[in-house]
Every structure is written in C-alpha cells, then in structure tokens.
C-alpha atoms as a PDB file:
ATOM      1  CA  MET A   1     -35.696 -50.815 123.008  1.00  0.00           C
ATOM      2  CA  LYS A   2     -37.143 -51.990 119.708  1.00  0.00           C
ATOM      3  CA  ALA A   3     -36.667 -50.269 116.378  1.00  0.00           C
ATOM      4  CA  ILE A   4     -39.600 -48.355 114.985  1.00  0.00           C
ATOM      5  CA  THR A   5     -40.815 -49.594 111.618  1.00  0.00           C
ATOM      6  CA  GLU A   6     -41.335 -47.223 108.714  1.00  0.00           C
ATOM      7  CA  ASP A   7     -45.055 -48.014 108.703  1.00  0.00           C
ATOM      8  CA  ARG A   8     -45.409 -47.313 112.423  1.00  0.00           C
ATOM      9  CA  ALA A   9     -43.451 -44.072 112.088  1.00  0.00           C
ATOM     10  CA  PHE A  10     -45.707 -42.987 109.218  1.00  0.00           C
ATOM     11  CA  ARG A  11     -48.878 -43.804 111.185  1.00  0.00           C
ATOM     12  CA  LEU A  12     -47.637 -42.043 114.321  1.00  0.00           C
ATOM     13  CA  GLU A  13     -46.590 -38.928 112.437  1.00  0.00           C
ATOM     14  CA  ARG A  14     -49.872 -38.827 110.528  1.00  0.00           C
ATOM     15  CA  ASN A  15     -51.866 -39.118 113.748  1.00  0.00           C
ATOM     16  CA  LEU A  16     -49.823 -36.453 115.505  1.00  0.00           C
ATOM     17  CA  THR A  17     -50.131 -34.126 112.511  1.00  0.00           C
ATOM     18  CA  ASP A  18     -53.886 -34.704 112.333  1.00  0.00           C
ATOM     19  CA  ALA A  19     -54.058 -33.899 116.056  1.00  0.00           C
ATOM     20  CA  GLY A  20     -52.519 -30.483 115.351  1.00  0.00           C
ATOM     21  CA  CYS A  21     -49.105 -31.206 116.807  1.00  0.00           C
ATOM     22  CA  SER A  22     -46.258 -28.926 115.772  1.00  0.00           C
ATOM     23  CA  ARG A  23     -43.169 -30.244 114.000  1.00  0.00           C
ATOM     24  CA  GLU A  24     -41.229 -29.637 117.217  1.00  0.00           C
ATOM     25  CA  LEU A  25     -43.677 -31.677 119.301  1.00  0.00           C
ATOM     26  CA  ILE A  26     -43.589 -34.508 116.747  1.00  0.00           C
ATOM     27  CA  GLU A  27     -39.789 -34.556 116.844  1.00  0.00           C
ATOM     28  CA  GLN A  28     -39.846 -34.647 120.653  1.00  0.00           C
ATOM     29  CA  PHE A  29     -42.343 -37.514 120.522  1.00  0.00           C
ATOM     30  CA  PHE A  30     -40.093 -39.534 118.207  1.00  0.00           C
ATOM     31  CA  GLN A  31     -37.009 -38.840 120.323  1.00  0.00           C
ATOM     32  CA  LEU A  32     -38.884 -40.192 123.325  1.00  0.00           C
ATOM     33  CA  GLU A  33     -40.067 -43.164 121.238  1.00  0.00           C
ATOM     34  CA  GLN A  34     -36.481 -44.028 120.326  1.00  0.00           C
ATOM     35  CA  ARG A  35     -35.464 -43.866 123.981  1.00  0.00           C
ATOM     36  CA  GLY A  36     -38.462 -45.903 125.128  1.00  0.00           C
ATOM     37  CA  CYS A  37     -39.810 -43.119 127.352  1.00  0.00           C
ATOM     38  CA  ARG A  38     -43.505 -43.967 127.160  1.00  0.00           C
ATOM     39  CA  CYS A  39     -44.443 -42.054 130.338  1.00  0.00           C
ATOM     40  CA  ARG A  40     -42.874 -38.884 128.966  1.00  0.00           C
ATOM     41  CA  GLN A  41     -44.740 -39.402 125.687  1.00  0.00           C
ATOM     42  CA  TYR A  42     -47.992 -39.583 127.645  1.00  0.00           C
ATOM     43  CA  ARG A  43     -47.133 -36.317 129.436  1.00  0.00           C
ATOM     44  CA  LEU A  44     -46.271 -34.642 126.127  1.00  0.00           C
ATOM     45  CA  LEU A  45     -49.585 -35.724 124.617  1.00  0.00           C
ATOM     46  CA  ALA A  46     -51.499 -34.691 127.753  1.00  0.00           C
ATOM     47  CA  ARG A  47     -50.008 -31.179 127.570  1.00  0.00           C
ATOM     48  CA  HIS A  48     -51.009 -30.890 123.922  1.00  0.00           C
ATOM     49  CA  LYS A  49     -54.515 -32.105 124.725  1.00  0.00           C
ATOM     50  CA  ALA A  50     -54.791 -29.539 127.533  1.00  0.00           C
ATOM     51  CA  ALA A  51     -53.737 -26.775 125.134  1.00  0.00           C
ATOM     52  CA  LEU A  52     -56.339 -27.918 122.592  1.00  0.00           C
ATOM     53  CA  LEU A  53     -59.039 -27.982 125.275  1.00  0.00           C
ATOM     54  CA  GLU A  54     -58.084 -24.488 126.411  1.00  0.00           C
ATOM     55  CA  ALA A  55     -58.374 -23.241 122.817  1.00  0.00           C
ATOM     56  CA  LEU A  56     -61.724 -25.007 122.463  1.00  0.00           C
ATOM     57  CA  HIS A  57     -63.042 -23.420 125.645  1.00  0.00           C
ATOM     58  CA  GLN A  58     -61.937 -19.988 124.430  1.00  0.00           C
ATOM     59  CA  LEU A  59     -63.784 -20.555 121.142  1.00  0.00           C
ATOM     60  CA  GLU A  60     -66.872 -21.755 123.005  1.00  0.00           C
ATOM     61  CA  TYR A  61     -66.799 -18.587 125.100  1.00  0.00           C
ATOM     62  CA  GLN A  62     -66.570 -16.444 121.953  1.00  0.00           C
ATOM     63  CA  ILE A  63     -69.513 -18.316 120.404  1.00  0.00           C
ATOM     64  CA  ASP A  64     -71.512 -17.813 123.610  1.00  0.00           C
ATOM     65  CA  CYS A  65     -70.774 -14.077 123.427  1.00  0.00           C
ATOM     66  CA  LEU A  66     -72.057 -13.950 119.857  1.00  0.00           C
ATOM     67  CA  ASP A  67     -75.156 -15.951 120.771  1.00  0.00           C
ATOM     68  CA  HIS A  68     -75.840 -13.550 123.629  1.00  0.00           C
ATOM     69  CA  LEU A  69     -75.458 -10.551 121.338  1.00  0.00           C
ATOM     70  CA  VAL A  70     -77.871 -12.068 118.813  1.00  0.00           C
ATOM     71  CA  TYR A  71     -80.331 -12.762 121.664  1.00  0.00           C
ATOM     72  CA  ILE A  72     -80.103  -9.145 122.864  1.00  0.00           C
ATOM     73  CA  LEU A  73     -80.584  -7.782 119.331  1.00  0.00           C
ATOM     74  CA  HIS A  74     -83.619 -10.015 118.749  1.00  0.00           C
ATOM     75  CA  LYS A  75     -85.057  -8.928 122.080  1.00  0.00           C
ATOM     76  CA  GLU A  76     -84.630  -5.274 121.135  1.00  0.00           C
ATOM     77  CA  ASP A  77     -86.357  -5.873 117.786  1.00  0.00           C
ATOM     78  CA  ALA A  78     -89.362  -7.572 119.356  1.00  0.00           C
END
C-alpha cells in the first residue's frame, strides 16, 4: 500500500466534492484508499452515481410534467 501524496489527496477530494459527494462519502473513500480497497471504492462511486442518476430522472420527470402542462394550456388557448 503506497502513501497518498498531498497533491493527489487534494485532487481526489476536489473531484469528489465537485461530483456532489458528501463529507461522509469522501471520508469513506479516503479510508478505502488508505487500505488499498480499489474495488470497494468503485462500488462506493457507483452507488453515488446511481443516486445522482435517480435524482436526474426525477427532475426530468418534473420538467416533462411542466412541459405537458404548458402544452395543454397552449392547446386550450388556441
């Protein structure tokens, strides 16, 4: 197991933060990094990605509902 450099730690934390990861998830990621558990890091990231996709799909559904409402209103005004 190799030591993580300060630069690498900074870049990893910045990327995880930019990806919307919670402080808890970031800490888990670094604990796994220190233990060399790459497969578990992948699973952690995959779960976060799945949660983001679920949130995105919910937002897309809400946008579709608004678009439909606008369509109906325009149709009624025609």
